[in-house]
Amino acid sequence: MMRSALKAMLRHRLYDEHVLQADEGCDFDFLRGTSQAVAADS
């Protein structure tokens, strides 16, 4: 019981703190690159 409650709490925390909206271009903030470089069109 405690383990599933902990999982649920961590899942909610992850969502609240790291999930971005569609207009921000990435699902999770920690998946964003740190570079400001823009990819060149090929």
C-alpha atoms as a PDB file:
ATOM      1  CA  MET A   1       0.000   0.000   0.000  1.00  0.00           C
ATOM      2  CA  MET A   2       2.687   2.517   0.932  1.00  0.00           C
ATOM      3  CA  ARG A   3       4.706   1.786  -2.182  1.00  0.00           C
ATOM      4  CA  SER A   4       1.824   2.598  -4.539  1.00  0.00           C
ATOM      5  CA  ALA A   5       1.048   5.768  -2.587  1.00  0.00           C
ATOM      6  CA  LEU A   6       4.679   6.856  -2.926  1.00  0.00           C
ATOM      7  CA  LYS A   7       4.622   6.125  -6.669  1.00  0.00           C
ATOM      8  CA  ALA A   8       1.480   8.213  -7.074  1.00  0.00           C
ATOM      9  CA  MET A   9       2.990  11.086  -5.101  1.00  0.00           C
ATOM     10  CA  LEU A  10       6.172  11.037  -7.189  1.00  0.00           C
ATOM     11  CA  ARG A  11       4.208  10.850 -10.434  1.00  0.00           C
ATOM     12  CA  HIS A  12       2.185  13.926  -9.458  1.00  0.00           C
ATOM     13  CA  ARG A  13       5.333  15.783  -8.428  1.00  0.00           C
ATOM     14  CA  LEU A  14       7.022  14.951 -11.753  1.00  0.00           C
ATOM     15  CA  TYR A  15       3.988  16.206 -13.649  1.00  0.00           C
ATOM     16  CA  ASP A  16       3.594  19.382 -11.587  1.00  0.00           C
ATOM     17  CA  GLU A  17       7.254  20.361 -11.746  1.00  0.00           C
ATOM     18  CA  HIS A  18       8.456  19.215 -15.166  1.00  0.00           C
ATOM     19  CA  VAL A  19       5.687  18.722 -17.748  1.00  0.00           C
ATOM     20  CA  LEU A  20       5.488  21.565 -20.260  1.00  0.00           C
ATOM     21  CA  GLN A  21       2.691  22.686 -22.525  1.00  0.00           C
ATOM     22  CA  ALA A  22       2.620  22.019 -26.277  1.00  0.00           C
ATOM     23  CA  ASP A  23       3.596  25.565 -27.208  1.00  0.00           C
ATOM     24  CA  GLU A  24       6.872  25.144 -25.296  1.00  0.00           C
ATOM     25  CA  GLY A  25       8.027  22.460 -27.734  1.00  0.00           C
ATOM     26  CA  CYS A  26       9.011  19.621 -25.423  1.00  0.00           C
ATOM     27  CA  ASP A  27       7.118  17.245 -23.145  1.00  0.00           C
ATOM     28  CA  PHE A  28       9.450  17.522 -20.154  1.00  0.00           C
ATOM     29  CA  ASP A  29      11.687  20.464 -19.220  1.00  0.00           C
ATOM     30  CA  PHE A  30      14.632  18.156 -18.472  1.00  0.00           C
ATOM     31  CA  LEU A  31      14.591  16.892 -22.084  1.00  0.00           C
ATOM     32  CA  ARG A  32      15.360  20.355 -23.426  1.00  0.00           C
ATOM     33  CA  GLY A  33      18.852  20.992 -24.646  1.00  0.00           C
ATOM     34  CA  THR A  34      20.965  23.621 -22.949  1.00  0.00           C
ATOM     35  CA  SER A  35      22.259  25.164 -26.160  1.00  0.00           C
ATOM     36  CA  GLN A  36      20.540  28.130 -27.774  1.00  0.00           C
ATOM     37  CA  ALA A  37      21.681  26.995 -31.230  1.00  0.00           C
ATOM     38  CA  VAL A  38      18.995  26.536 -33.871  1.00  0.00           C
ATOM     39  CA  ALA A  39      19.164  23.569 -36.247  1.00  0.00           C
ATOM     40  CA  ALA A  40      19.790  24.566 -39.873  1.00  0.00           C
ATOM     41  CA  ASP A  41      17.184  23.629 -42.468  1.00  0.00           C
ATOM     42  CA  SER A  42      18.409  20.998 -44.914  1.00  0.00           C
END
